[in-house]
Amino acid sequence: MNKGSIINLIISLLLLAGCSSQTTDKKPIVAVTIQPQKYIVDRIVGDLIDVVCAIPSGANPEEFDATPHQIREITSSDIYFEVGGLGFEESLLPSILKNAPNIKLVKTAEGLEPLSTLCHHGGEHHLHYDPHYWSSPKCVKVMTENIYNQIVELDAENSEYYTYNYNLFISEIDSIDYVLTEKLKDVPNRQFAIFHPSLSYFARDYGLRQLSLEQIGKEMTPLTMQRAIEEAVVNGVTTVFIQNEFNPRQVETFAKEIDAQIVVINPLAYNFAEEIIKVADAITR
């Protein structure tokens, strides 16, 4: 039995079990893929709606495999807020949602212009769309509006509460946007390096350039390493970011070659705004 068939069987059993235990006074439930989304939703809904996050803290959304318990949580939700383009969303989520027609699928990044790169696999060419929208407060504002609109539709009775929270959060995001703009506008070296290219939208929206040290999910070859070193030297790269979930071995070698500082970040942190400010502070040192 393949993975898809196993998931379908699990979902069918969970849905049957759920039918016998449903209550009419339970809170609405919404599900998200990653912790940064959960932070946004939590800020809007407070304790009036339960928020389920498919990918737990510390897990890689490109490789994550949901457990029966996590599938049960997802299939109990009224709305699933999808980022769009993350590995879990493309591999497992369709199978989970296929047998849960009660769930409304909402694209959190609807209305945003995605960044893309041309990839080559097995002699074929295709575009790879970057899903890391939450790295930029400017994108977060659009994501937050998309989420808010669905929340007030789901629970119109409490719309005033959600509207108040939404406006407060948008004000905070605007303040962060202003702080980042001021911090980064006069930075002389506009390029930074990072292993996994998770800061693309941050770089785009604040006039920076991201040098990725990862090649389609793989470490660099000696040739691409040398080219990256040459580019970094020419552009005065002084900061190299490494994410918690990746092996820093190549990054350490790269940073030593160009005499740059290594900064460990967590782009998938629940309070992603704090991480983005940390990134900006490291670039301005």
C-alpha atoms as a PDB file:
ATOM      1  CA  MET A   1       0.000   0.000   0.000  1.00  0.00           C
ATOM      2  CA  ASN A   2       1.500   3.348  -1.026  1.00  0.00           C
ATOM      3  CA  LYS A   3       1.699   6.456   1.166  1.00  0.00           C
ATOM      4  CA  GLY A   4      -1.311   8.086  -0.488  1.00  0.00           C
ATOM      5  CA  SER A   5      -3.509   5.033   0.163  1.00  0.00           C
ATOM      6  CA  ILE A   6      -2.376   4.888   3.783  1.00  0.00           C
ATOM      7  CA  ILE A   7      -3.219   8.566   4.286  1.00  0.00           C
ATOM      8  CA  ASN A   8      -6.656   8.048   2.705  1.00  0.00           C
ATOM      9  CA  LEU A   9      -7.350   5.128   5.030  1.00  0.00           C
ATOM     10  CA  ILE A  10      -6.264   7.088   8.106  1.00  0.00           C
ATOM     11  CA  ILE A  11      -8.436  10.049   7.137  1.00  0.00           C
ATOM     12  CA  SER A  12     -11.482   7.842   6.514  1.00  0.00           C
ATOM     13  CA  LEU A  13     -11.141   6.249   9.958  1.00  0.00           C
ATOM     14  CA  LEU A  14     -10.632   9.626  11.633  1.00  0.00           C
ATOM     15  CA  LEU A  15     -13.654  11.137   9.936  1.00  0.00           C
ATOM     16  CA  LEU A  16     -15.832   8.200  10.981  1.00  0.00           C
ATOM     17  CA  ALA A  17     -14.636   8.573  14.558  1.00  0.00           C
ATOM     18  CA  GLY A  18     -15.280  12.306  14.439  1.00  0.00           C
ATOM     19  CA  CYS A  19     -18.900  11.896  13.328  1.00  0.00           C
ATOM     20  CA  SER A  20     -19.822  10.123  16.542  1.00  0.00           C
ATOM     21  CA  SER A  21     -18.250  12.719  18.823  1.00  0.00           C
ATOM     22  CA  GLN A  22     -19.141  16.081  17.234  1.00  0.00           C
ATOM     23  CA  THR A  23     -20.579  18.780  19.470  1.00  0.00           C
ATOM     24  CA  THR A  24     -22.445  21.905  18.441  1.00  0.00           C
ATOM     25  CA  ASP A  25     -20.738  24.314  20.835  1.00  0.00           C
ATOM     26  CA  LYS A  26     -17.099  23.786  19.890  1.00  0.00           C
ATOM     27  CA  LYS A  27     -14.869  26.655  18.799  1.00  0.00           C
ATOM     28  CA  PRO A  28     -14.112  27.115  15.123  1.00  0.00           C
ATOM     29  CA  ILE A  29     -10.800  25.558  14.114  1.00  0.00           C
ATOM     30  CA  VAL A  30      -8.385  26.726  11.430  1.00  0.00           C
ATOM     31  CA  ALA A  31      -5.168  25.078  10.295  1.00  0.00           C
ATOM     32  CA  VAL A  32      -1.940  26.517   8.910  1.00  0.00           C
ATOM     33  CA  THR A  33       1.244  24.993   7.548  1.00  0.00           C
ATOM     34  CA  ILE A  34       4.018  26.780   9.456  1.00  0.00           C
ATOM     35  CA  GLN A  35       4.601  28.655  12.711  1.00  0.00           C
ATOM     36  CA  PRO A  36       4.885  32.167  11.152  1.00  0.00           C
ATOM     37  CA  GLN A  37       1.345  31.744   9.785  1.00  0.00           C
ATOM     38  CA  LYS A  38       0.149  30.615  13.200  1.00  0.00           C
ATOM     39  CA  TYR A  39       1.576  33.773  14.724  1.00  0.00           C
ATOM     40  CA  ILE A  40      -0.417  35.910  12.293  1.00  0.00           C
ATOM     41  CA  VAL A  41      -3.645  33.995  12.876  1.00  0.00           C
ATOM     42  CA  ASP A  42      -3.170  33.972  16.653  1.00  0.00           C
ATOM     43  CA  ARG A  43      -2.771  37.741  16.651  1.00  0.00           C
ATOM     44  CA  ILE A  44      -6.114  38.118  14.884  1.00  0.00           C
ATOM     45  CA  VAL A  45      -8.257  35.475  16.603  1.00  0.00           C
ATOM     46  CA  GLY A  46      -6.969  35.540  20.192  1.00  0.00           C
ATOM     47  CA  ASP A  47      -8.634  32.689  22.068  1.00  0.00           C
ATOM     48  CA  LEU A  48     -11.889  32.678  20.086  1.00  0.00           C
ATOM     49  CA  ILE A  49     -10.630  30.230  17.443  1.00  0.00           C
ATOM     50  CA  ASP A  50      -8.330  27.234  17.840  1.00  0.00           C
ATOM     51  CA  VAL A  51      -5.324  27.291  15.511  1.00  0.00           C
ATOM     52  CA  VAL A  52      -3.649  24.053  14.390  1.00  0.00           C
ATOM     53  CA  CYS A  53      -0.150  24.134  12.859  1.00  0.00           C
ATOM     54  CA  ALA A  54       0.705  21.204  10.580  1.00  0.00           C
ATOM     55  CA  ILE A  55       4.498  21.574  10.853  1.00  0.00           C
ATOM     56  CA  PRO A  56       5.783  21.566  14.451  1.00  0.00           C
ATOM     57  CA  SER A  57       8.636  23.804  15.592  1.00  0.00           C
ATOM     58  CA  GLY A  58      12.018  22.546  14.422  1.00  0.00           C
ATOM     59  CA  ALA A  59      10.651  20.403  11.574  1.00  0.00           C
ATOM     60  CA  ASN A  60      11.492  20.956   7.901  1.00  0.00           C
ATOM     61  CA  PRO A  61       8.353  21.714   5.827  1.00  0.00           C
ATOM     62  CA  GLU A  62      10.059  20.310   2.742  1.00  0.00           C
ATOM     63  CA  GLU A  63      10.451  16.836   4.263  1.00  0.00           C
ATOM     64  CA  PHE A  64       7.806  16.604   7.001  1.00  0.00           C
ATOM     65  CA  ASP A  65       5.572  13.515   7.185  1.00  0.00           C
ATOM     66  CA  ALA A  66       2.377  14.001   9.224  1.00  0.00           C
ATOM     67  CA  THR A  67       1.373  11.543  11.941  1.00  0.00           C
ATOM     68  CA  PRO A  68      -2.217  10.230  12.356  1.00  0.00           C
ATOM     69  CA  HIS A  69      -2.676  12.666  15.265  1.00  0.00           C
ATOM     70  CA  GLN A  70      -1.618  15.612  13.114  1.00  0.00           C
ATOM     71  CA  ILE A  71      -3.884  14.456  10.285  1.00  0.00           C
ATOM     72  CA  ARG A  72      -6.773  14.295  12.763  1.00  0.00           C
ATOM     73  CA  GLU A  73      -6.095  17.902  13.813  1.00  0.00           C
ATOM     74  CA  ILE A  74      -5.975  19.120  10.215  1.00  0.00           C
ATOM     75  CA  THR A  75      -9.140  17.305   9.127  1.00  0.00           C
ATOM     76  CA  SER A  76     -11.058  18.757  12.077  1.00  0.00           C
ATOM     77  CA  SER A  77     -10.505  22.313  10.846  1.00  0.00           C
ATOM     78  CA  ASP A  78     -12.938  24.611   9.064  1.00  0.00           C
ATOM     79  CA  ILE A  79     -10.266  26.415   7.036  1.00  0.00           C
ATOM     80  CA  TYR A  80      -6.768  25.449   5.927  1.00  0.00           C
ATOM     81  CA  PHE A  81      -4.492  28.424   5.251  1.00  0.00           C
ATOM     82  CA  GLU A  82      -1.883  27.317   2.714  1.00  0.00           C
ATOM     83  CA  VAL A  83       1.333  29.257   2.065  1.00  0.00           C
ATOM     84  CA  GLY A  84       1.749  27.796  -1.408  1.00  0.00           C
ATOM     85  CA  GLY A  85       4.805  25.976  -2.743  1.00  0.00           C
ATOM     86  CA  LEU A  86       6.129  24.360   0.442  1.00  0.00           C
ATOM     87  CA  GLY A  87       7.069  20.679   0.145  1.00  0.00           C
ATOM     88  CA  PHE A  88       4.439  19.432   2.618  1.00  0.00           C
ATOM     89  CA  GLU A  89       1.729  21.372   0.808  1.00  0.00           C
ATOM     90  CA  GLU A  90       2.620  19.827  -2.535  1.00  0.00           C
ATOM     91  CA  SER A  91       3.271  16.246  -1.434  1.00  0.00           C
ATOM     92  CA  LEU A  92       0.969  15.337   1.480  1.00  0.00           C
ATOM     93  CA  LEU A  93      -1.608  18.088   1.915  1.00  0.00           C
ATOM     94  CA  PRO A  94      -3.607  17.270  -1.260  1.00  0.00           C
ATOM     95  CA  SER A  95      -4.092  13.684  -0.045  1.00  0.00           C
ATOM     96  CA  ILE A  96      -5.185  14.897   3.385  1.00  0.00           C
ATOM     97  CA  LEU A  97      -7.700  17.404   2.015  1.00  0.00           C
ATOM     98  CA  LYS A  98      -9.035  15.100  -0.701  1.00  0.00           C
ATOM     99  CA  ASN A  99     -11.104  13.159   1.825  1.00  0.00           C
ATOM    100  CA  ALA A 100     -12.022  16.181   3.944  1.00  0.00           C
ATOM    101  CA  PRO A 101     -14.385  18.207   1.710  1.00  0.00           C
ATOM    102  CA  ASN A 102     -15.588  20.188   4.729  1.00  0.00           C
ATOM    103  CA  ILE A 103     -12.314  22.147   4.812  1.00  0.00           C
ATOM    104  CA  LYS A 104     -12.027  25.398   2.875  1.00  0.00           C
ATOM    105  CA  LEU A 105      -8.564  25.771   1.343  1.00  0.00           C
ATOM    106  CA  VAL A 106      -7.312  29.368   1.320  1.00  0.00           C
ATOM    107  CA  LYS A 107      -4.078  30.574  -0.281  1.00  0.00           C
ATOM    108  CA  THR A 108      -2.483  32.934   2.238  1.00  0.00           C
ATOM    109  CA  ALA A 109      -0.235  34.508  -0.406  1.00  0.00           C
ATOM    110  CA  GLU A 110      -3.059  35.286  -2.849  1.00  0.00           C
ATOM    111  CA  GLY A 111      -2.351  38.595  -4.597  1.00  0.00           C
ATOM    112  CA  LEU A 112       1.418  38.526  -4.072  1.00  0.00           C
ATOM    113  CA  GLU A 113       3.843  38.463  -7.007  1.00  0.00           C
ATOM    114  CA  PRO A 114       6.006  35.351  -6.495  1.00  0.00           C
ATOM    115  CA  LEU A 115       9.716  35.275  -7.170  1.00  0.00           C
ATOM    116  CA  SER A 116      10.856  32.413  -9.359  1.00  0.00           C
ATOM    117  CA  THR A 117      14.020  30.727 -10.593  1.00  0.00           C
ATOM    118  CA  LEU A 118      14.544  28.492 -13.616  1.00  0.00           C
ATOM    119  CA  CYS A 119      15.521  24.974 -12.530  1.00  0.00           C
ATOM    120  CA  HIS A 120      16.948  22.107 -14.578  1.00  0.00           C
ATOM    121  CA  HIS A 121      16.024  18.501 -13.762  1.00  0.00           C
ATOM    122  CA  GLY A 122      16.640  15.470 -15.974  1.00  0.00           C
ATOM    123  CA  GLY A 123      17.035  17.595 -19.081  1.00  0.00           C
ATOM    124  CA  GLU A 124      13.802  19.489 -18.427  1.00  0.00           C
ATOM    125  CA  HIS A 125      13.340  23.123 -17.434  1.00  0.00           C
ATOM    126  CA  HIS A 126      10.713  24.443 -15.056  1.00  0.00           C
ATOM    127  CA  LEU A 127      10.087  27.449 -12.848  1.00  0.00           C
ATOM    128  CA  HIS A 128      10.488  27.100  -9.094  1.00  0.00           C
ATOM    129  CA  TYR A 129       8.412  29.605  -7.119  1.00  0.00           C
ATOM    130  CA  ASP A 130       9.849  30.888  -3.862  1.00  0.00           C
ATOM    131  CA  PRO A 131       7.339  30.352  -0.990  1.00  0.00           C
ATOM    132  CA  HIS A 132       9.137  32.382   1.714  1.00  0.00           C
ATOM    133  CA  TYR A 133       6.793  35.385   1.591  1.00  0.00           C
ATOM    134  CA  TRP A 134       6.772  35.920   5.358  1.00  0.00           C
ATOM    135  CA  SER A 135      10.400  37.123   5.299  1.00  0.00           C
ATOM    136  CA  SER A 136       9.115  40.547   4.195  1.00  0.00           C
ATOM    137  CA  PRO A 137       6.712  42.660   6.287  1.00  0.00           C
ATOM    138  CA  LYS A 138       5.359  44.096   3.036  1.00  0.00           C
ATOM    139  CA  CYS A 139       4.229  40.602   2.037  1.00  0.00           C
ATOM    140  CA  VAL A 140       3.004  39.842   5.549  1.00  0.00           C
ATOM    141  CA  LYS A 141       0.512  42.714   5.269  1.00  0.00           C
ATOM    142  CA  VAL A 142      -1.116  41.030   2.253  1.00  0.00           C
ATOM    143  CA  MET A 143      -1.074  37.617   3.939  1.00  0.00           C
ATOM    144  CA  THR A 144      -2.654  39.109   7.064  1.00  0.00           C
ATOM    145  CA  GLU A 145      -5.443  40.744   5.079  1.00  0.00           C
ATOM    146  CA  ASN A 146      -6.204  37.458   3.298  1.00  0.00           C
ATOM    147  CA  ILE A 147      -6.387  35.644   6.629  1.00  0.00           C
ATOM    148  CA  TYR A 148      -8.492  38.359   8.270  1.00  0.00           C
ATOM    149  CA  ASN A 149     -11.071  38.323   5.462  1.00  0.00           C
ATOM    150  CA  GLN A 150     -11.597  34.592   5.878  1.00  0.00           C
ATOM    151  CA  ILE A 151     -11.753  34.769   9.670  1.00  0.00           C
ATOM    152  CA  VAL A 152     -14.527  37.374   9.719  1.00  0.00           C
ATOM    153  CA  GLU A 153     -16.437  35.321   7.158  1.00  0.00           C
ATOM    154  CA  LEU A 154     -16.048  32.199   9.312  1.00  0.00           C
ATOM    155  CA  ASP A 155     -17.107  33.898  12.553  1.00  0.00           C
ATOM    156  CA  ALA A 156     -19.004  37.067  11.661  1.00  0.00           C
ATOM    157  CA  GLU A 157     -20.483  37.289  15.149  1.00  0.00           C
ATOM    158  CA  ASN A 158     -17.086  38.321  16.538  1.00  0.00           C
ATOM    159  CA  SER A 159     -15.981  40.450  13.587  1.00  0.00           C
ATOM    160  CA  GLU A 160     -15.457  43.611  15.674  1.00  0.00           C
ATOM    161  CA  TYR A 161     -12.966  41.796  17.896  1.00  0.00           C
ATOM    162  CA  TYR A 162     -11.087  40.421  14.897  1.00  0.00           C
ATOM    163  CA  THR A 163     -11.072  43.819  13.179  1.00  0.00           C
ATOM    164  CA  TYR A 164      -9.565  45.486  16.247  1.00  0.00           C
ATOM    165  CA  ASN A 165      -6.824  42.846  16.459  1.00  0.00           C
ATOM    166  CA  TYR A 166      -6.185  43.013  12.718  1.00  0.00           C
ATOM    167  CA  ASN A 167      -5.731  46.793  12.736  1.00  0.00           C
ATOM    168  CA  LEU A 168      -3.427  46.600  15.750  1.00  0.00           C
ATOM    169  CA  PHE A 169      -1.261  43.945  14.116  1.00  0.00           C
ATOM    170  CA  ILE A 170      -1.105  45.819  10.794  1.00  0.00           C
ATOM    171  CA  SER A 171       0.118  48.890  12.705  1.00  0.00           C
ATOM    172  CA  GLU A 172       2.904  46.791  14.235  1.00  0.00           C
ATOM    173  CA  ILE A 173       3.888  45.413  10.836  1.00  0.00           C
ATOM    174  CA  ASP A 174       3.973  48.948   9.412  1.00  0.00           C
ATOM    175  CA  SER A 175       6.264  49.980  12.271  1.00  0.00           C
ATOM    176  CA  ILE A 176       8.594  47.058  11.587  1.00  0.00           C
ATOM    177  CA  ASP A 177       8.609  47.953   7.889  1.00  0.00           C
ATOM    178  CA  TYR A 178       9.597  51.521   8.761  1.00  0.00           C
ATOM    179  CA  VAL A 179      12.374  50.367  11.122  1.00  0.00           C
ATOM    180  CA  LEU A 180      13.799  48.001   8.495  1.00  0.00           C
ATOM    181  CA  THR A 181      13.683  50.673   5.800  1.00  0.00           C
ATOM    182  CA  GLU A 182      15.592  53.110   8.017  1.00  0.00           C
ATOM    183  CA  LYS A 183      18.133  50.506   9.154  1.00  0.00           C
ATOM    184  CA  LEU A 184      18.929  49.252   5.684  1.00  0.00           C
ATOM    185  CA  LYS A 185      18.689  52.324   3.447  1.00  0.00           C
ATOM    186  CA  ASP A 186      22.335  53.361   3.899  1.00  0.00           C
ATOM    187  CA  VAL A 187      24.009  49.943   4.211  1.00  0.00           C
ATOM    188  CA  PRO A 188      27.072  50.088   1.938  1.00  0.00           C
ATOM    189  CA  ASN A 189      27.294  46.342   1.255  1.00  0.00           C
ATOM    190  CA  ARG A 190      23.938  45.375  -0.266  1.00  0.00           C
ATOM    191  CA  GLN A 191      24.584  41.644  -0.614  1.00  0.00           C
ATOM    192  CA  PHE A 192      24.499  38.900   2.034  1.00  0.00           C
ATOM    193  CA  ALA A 193      24.953  35.134   1.774  1.00  0.00           C
ATOM    194  CA  ILE A 194      22.678  32.402   3.103  1.00  0.00           C
ATOM    195  CA  PHE A 195      22.637  28.622   2.790  1.00  0.00           C
ATOM    196  CA  HIS A 196      18.926  28.044   2.070  1.00  0.00           C
ATOM    197  CA  PRO A 197      17.477  31.050   0.150  1.00  0.00           C
ATOM    198  CA  SER A 198      14.683  31.912   2.590  1.00  0.00           C
ATOM    199  CA  LEU A 199      15.155  35.713   2.592  1.00  0.00           C
ATOM    200  CA  SER A 200      14.383  36.433  -1.058  1.00  0.00           C
ATOM    201  CA  TYR A 201      11.372  38.694  -0.453  1.00  0.00           C
ATOM    202  CA  PHE A 202      13.153  40.489   2.380  1.00  0.00           C
ATOM    203  CA  ALA A 203      16.069  41.176   0.030  1.00  0.00           C
ATOM    204  CA  ARG A 204      13.820  42.294  -2.819  1.00  0.00           C
ATOM    205  CA  ASP A 205      11.708  44.667  -0.730  1.00  0.00           C
ATOM    206  CA  TYR A 206      14.629  46.389   1.007  1.00  0.00           C
ATOM    207  CA  GLY A 207      17.010  46.754  -1.914  1.00  0.00           C
ATOM    208  CA  LEU A 208      19.383  43.932  -0.946  1.00  0.00           C
ATOM    209  CA  ARG A 209      20.810  40.941  -2.825  1.00  0.00           C
ATOM    210  CA  GLN A 210      20.714  37.371  -1.551  1.00  0.00           C
ATOM    211  CA  LEU A 211      23.536  34.985  -2.474  1.00  0.00           C
ATOM    212  CA  SER A 212      22.301  31.413  -2.042  1.00  0.00           C
ATOM    213  CA  LEU A 213      24.836  28.770  -1.061  1.00  0.00           C
ATOM    214  CA  GLU A 214      22.389  25.940  -1.728  1.00  0.00           C
ATOM    215  CA  GLN A 215      21.865  24.448  -5.167  1.00  0.00           C
ATOM    216  CA  ILE A 216      18.294  23.111  -5.452  1.00  0.00           C
ATOM    217  CA  GLY A 217      18.393  21.613  -1.973  1.00  0.00           C
ATOM    218  CA  LYS A 218      21.969  20.337  -2.259  1.00  0.00           C
ATOM    219  CA  GLU A 219      25.367  21.525  -1.099  1.00  0.00           C
ATOM    220  CA  MET A 220      27.588  23.370  -3.548  1.00  0.00           C
ATOM    221  CA  THR A 221      30.075  21.611  -5.782  1.00  0.00           C
ATOM    222  CA  PRO A 222      33.699  22.792  -5.558  1.00  0.00           C
ATOM    223  CA  LEU A 223      33.149  24.832  -8.740  1.00  0.00           C
ATOM    224  CA  THR A 224      29.982  26.576  -7.508  1.00  0.00           C
ATOM    225  CA  MET A 225      31.669  27.169  -4.142  1.00  0.00           C
ATOM    226  CA  GLN A 226      34.558  28.946  -5.863  1.00  0.00           C
ATOM    227  CA  ARG A 227      32.175  31.038  -7.964  1.00  0.00           C
ATOM    228  CA  ALA A 228      30.195  31.984  -4.851  1.00  0.00           C
ATOM    229  CA  ILE A 229      33.389  33.003  -3.054  1.00  0.00           C
ATOM    230  CA  GLU A 230      34.454  35.168  -6.000  1.00  0.00           C
ATOM    231  CA  GLU A 231      31.037  36.866  -6.175  1.00  0.00           C
ATOM    232  CA  ALA A 232      31.019  37.465  -2.415  1.00  0.00           C
ATOM    233  CA  VAL A 233      34.477  39.043  -2.472  1.00  0.00           C
ATOM    234  CA  VAL A 234      33.590  41.341  -5.392  1.00  0.00           C
ATOM    235  CA  ASN A 235      30.393  42.507  -3.662  1.00  0.00           C
ATOM    236  CA  GLY A 236      31.870  42.863  -0.185  1.00  0.00           C
ATOM    237  CA  VAL A 237      29.730  40.229   1.563  1.00  0.00           C
ATOM    238  CA  THR A 238      30.364  40.397   5.323  1.00  0.00           C
ATOM    239  CA  THR A 239      27.405  38.383   6.658  1.00  0.00           C
ATOM    240  CA  VAL A 240      26.528  34.722   6.109  1.00  0.00           C
ATOM    241  CA  PHE A 241      23.270  33.338   7.485  1.00  0.00           C
ATOM    242  CA  ILE A 242      22.672  29.702   8.388  1.00  0.00           C
ATOM    243  CA  GLN A 243      19.336  28.234   9.438  1.00  0.00           C
ATOM    244  CA  ASN A 244      18.962  25.927  12.434  1.00  0.00           C
ATOM    245  CA  GLU A 245      17.886  22.901  10.398  1.00  0.00           C
ATOM    246  CA  PHE A 246      20.834  22.847   7.968  1.00  0.00           C
ATOM    247  CA  ASN A 247      24.416  21.580   8.282  1.00  0.00           C
ATOM    248  CA  PRO A 248      26.754  24.576   8.519  1.00  0.00           C
ATOM    249  CA  ARG A 249      29.921  22.737   7.348  1.00  0.00           C
ATOM    250  CA  GLN A 250      30.085  24.331   3.899  1.00  0.00           C
ATOM    251  CA  VAL A 251      28.937  27.666   5.305  1.00  0.00           C
ATOM    252  CA  GLU A 252      31.815  27.689   7.783  1.00  0.00           C
ATOM    253  CA  THR A 253      34.294  27.047   4.962  1.00  0.00           C
ATOM    254  CA  PHE A 254      32.713  29.744   2.808  1.00  0.00           C
ATOM    255  CA  ALA A 255      32.656  32.332   5.618  1.00  0.00           C
ATOM    256  CA  LYS A 256      36.296  31.652   6.486  1.00  0.00           C
ATOM    257  CA  GLU A 257      37.333  32.166   2.860  1.00  0.00           C
ATOM    258  CA  ILE A 258      35.716  35.620   2.676  1.00  0.00           C
ATOM    259  CA  ASP A 259      36.324  36.589   6.325  1.00  0.00           C
ATOM    260  CA  ALA A 260      32.609  37.025   7.089  1.00  0.00           C
ATOM    261  CA  GLN A 261      30.537  36.593  10.253  1.00  0.00           C
ATOM    262  CA  ILE A 262      28.156  33.624  10.545  1.00  0.00           C
ATOM    263  CA  VAL A 263      24.733  34.382  12.012  1.00  0.00           C
ATOM    264  CA  VAL A 264      22.320  31.581  12.967  1.00  0.00           C
ATOM    265  CA  ILE A 265      18.687  32.437  12.240  1.00  0.00           C
ATOM    266  CA  ASN A 266      15.334  30.680  12.355  1.00  0.00           C
ATOM    267  CA  PRO A 267      13.082  31.924   9.510  1.00  0.00           C
ATOM    268  CA  LEU A 268      10.400  29.462  10.646  1.00  0.00           C
ATOM    269  CA  ALA A 269      10.223  30.921  14.151  1.00  0.00           C
ATOM    270  CA  TYR A 270       6.746  31.559  15.580  1.00  0.00           C
ATOM    271  CA  ASN A 271       7.526  35.250  16.120  1.00  0.00           C
ATOM    272  CA  PHE A 272       9.091  35.690  12.698  1.00  0.00           C
ATOM    273  CA  ALA A 273       9.155  39.493  13.054  1.00  0.00           C
ATOM    274  CA  GLU A 274      11.842  39.269  15.736  1.00  0.00           C
ATOM    275  CA  GLU A 275      13.948  37.102  13.414  1.00  0.00           C
ATOM    276  CA  ILE A 276      13.674  39.589  10.540  1.00  0.00           C
ATOM    277  CA  ILE A 277      14.864  42.426  12.787  1.00  0.00           C
ATOM    278  CA  LYS A 278      17.743  40.179  13.883  1.00  0.00           C
ATOM    279  CA  VAL A 279      18.649  39.683  10.212  1.00  0.00           C
ATOM    280  CA  ALA A 280      18.644  43.429   9.570  1.00  0.00           C
ATOM    281  CA  ASP A 281      20.778  44.100  12.659  1.00  0.00           C
ATOM    282  CA  ALA A 282      23.353  41.553  11.480  1.00  0.00           C
ATOM    283  CA  ILE A 283      23.549  43.149   8.020  1.00  0.00           C
ATOM    284  CA  THR A 284      24.090  46.634   9.462  1.00  0.00           C
ATOM    285  CA  ARG A 285      26.914  45.668  11.810  1.00  0.00           C
END
